[in-house]
Amino acid sequence: MSEKKINRILVGVDDSADALLAFDYAITRAKEDDAELIIASVLESDELSVFQAMDKDFIHG
């Protein structure tokens, strides 16, 4: 049974060690599969967390 070819890879990155490992793996896998690599980065400030930003009631308040 052959492994399914991946066309696109989405990887989320921040400044954590786990994110760096995921990023390294995503780069390697994208090269192996000749896949498009999409990188998402979320930056939180002390004033607004990512969870607050996703809450429409918080944003409109």
Protein backbone atom coordinates (compact mmCIF):
# COMPACT_ATOMS: atom_id res chain seq x y z
CA MET A 1 0.00 0.00 0.00
CA SER A 2 1.51 3.31 -1.07
CA GLU A 3 1.43 6.44 1.02
CA LYS A 4 -1.00 9.14 -0.12
CA LYS A 5 0.70 12.13 -1.75
CA ILE A 6 0.10 15.40 0.05
CA ASN A 7 -0.43 18.54 -2.07
CA ARG A 8 -0.57 21.21 0.63
CA ILE A 9 0.75 21.40 4.17
CA LEU A 10 -0.41 23.96 6.72
CA VAL A 11 1.81 24.46 9.75
CA GLY A 12 1.25 26.84 12.62
CA VAL A 13 4.30 28.44 14.17
CA ASP A 14 5.10 30.45 17.25
CA ASP A 15 8.21 30.75 19.38
CA SER A 16 7.80 27.38 21.16
CA ALA A 17 10.13 24.40 20.77
CA ASP A 18 7.22 22.19 19.64
CA ALA A 19 6.32 24.65 16.88
CA LEU A 20 9.91 24.64 15.65
CA LEU A 21 9.85 20.83 15.46
CA ALA A 22 6.55 20.92 13.57
CA PHE A 23 7.94 23.54 11.20
CA ASP A 24 11.06 21.47 10.50
CA TYR A 25 8.92 18.40 9.82
CA ALA A 26 6.59 20.36 7.54
CA ILE A 27 9.54 21.65 5.51
CA THR A 28 10.93 18.14 5.13
CA ARG A 29 7.57 16.65 4.18
CA ALA A 30 6.82 19.47 1.72
CA LYS A 31 10.14 18.84 -0.03
CA GLU A 32 9.53 15.07 -0.14
CA ASP A 33 6.03 15.45 -1.62
CA ASP A 34 6.75 18.58 -3.67
CA ALA A 35 3.87 20.11 -1.72
CA GLU A 36 2.90 23.72 -1.17
CA LEU A 37 3.83 24.83 2.36
CA ILE A 38 1.51 27.31 4.05
CA ILE A 39 2.78 28.89 7.26
CA ALA A 40 0.43 30.43 9.81
CA SER A 41 1.71 32.51 12.67
CA VAL A 42 -0.38 33.82 15.53
CA LEU A 43 0.94 36.66 17.60
CA GLU A 44 -0.74 37.41 20.91
CA SER A 45 -0.38 40.64 22.74
CA ASP A 46 -0.93 41.17 26.44
CA GLU A 47 -4.12 43.06 25.59
CA LEU A 48 -5.84 40.45 23.41
CA SER A 49 -5.48 36.67 23.31
CA VAL A 50 -6.23 34.58 20.24
CA PHE A 51 -9.29 33.14 21.99
CA GLN A 52 -10.67 36.62 22.66
CA ALA A 53 -10.05 37.57 19.04
CA MET A 54 -12.21 34.64 17.89
CA ASP A 55 -15.09 35.64 20.17
CA LYS A 56 -17.38 37.96 18.18
CA ASP A 57 -19.06 39.21 21.37
CA PHE A 58 -15.70 40.20 22.87
CA ILE A 59 -14.58 42.00 19.68
CA HIS A 60 -17.84 43.91 19.25
CA GLY A 61 -17.89 44.81 22.94
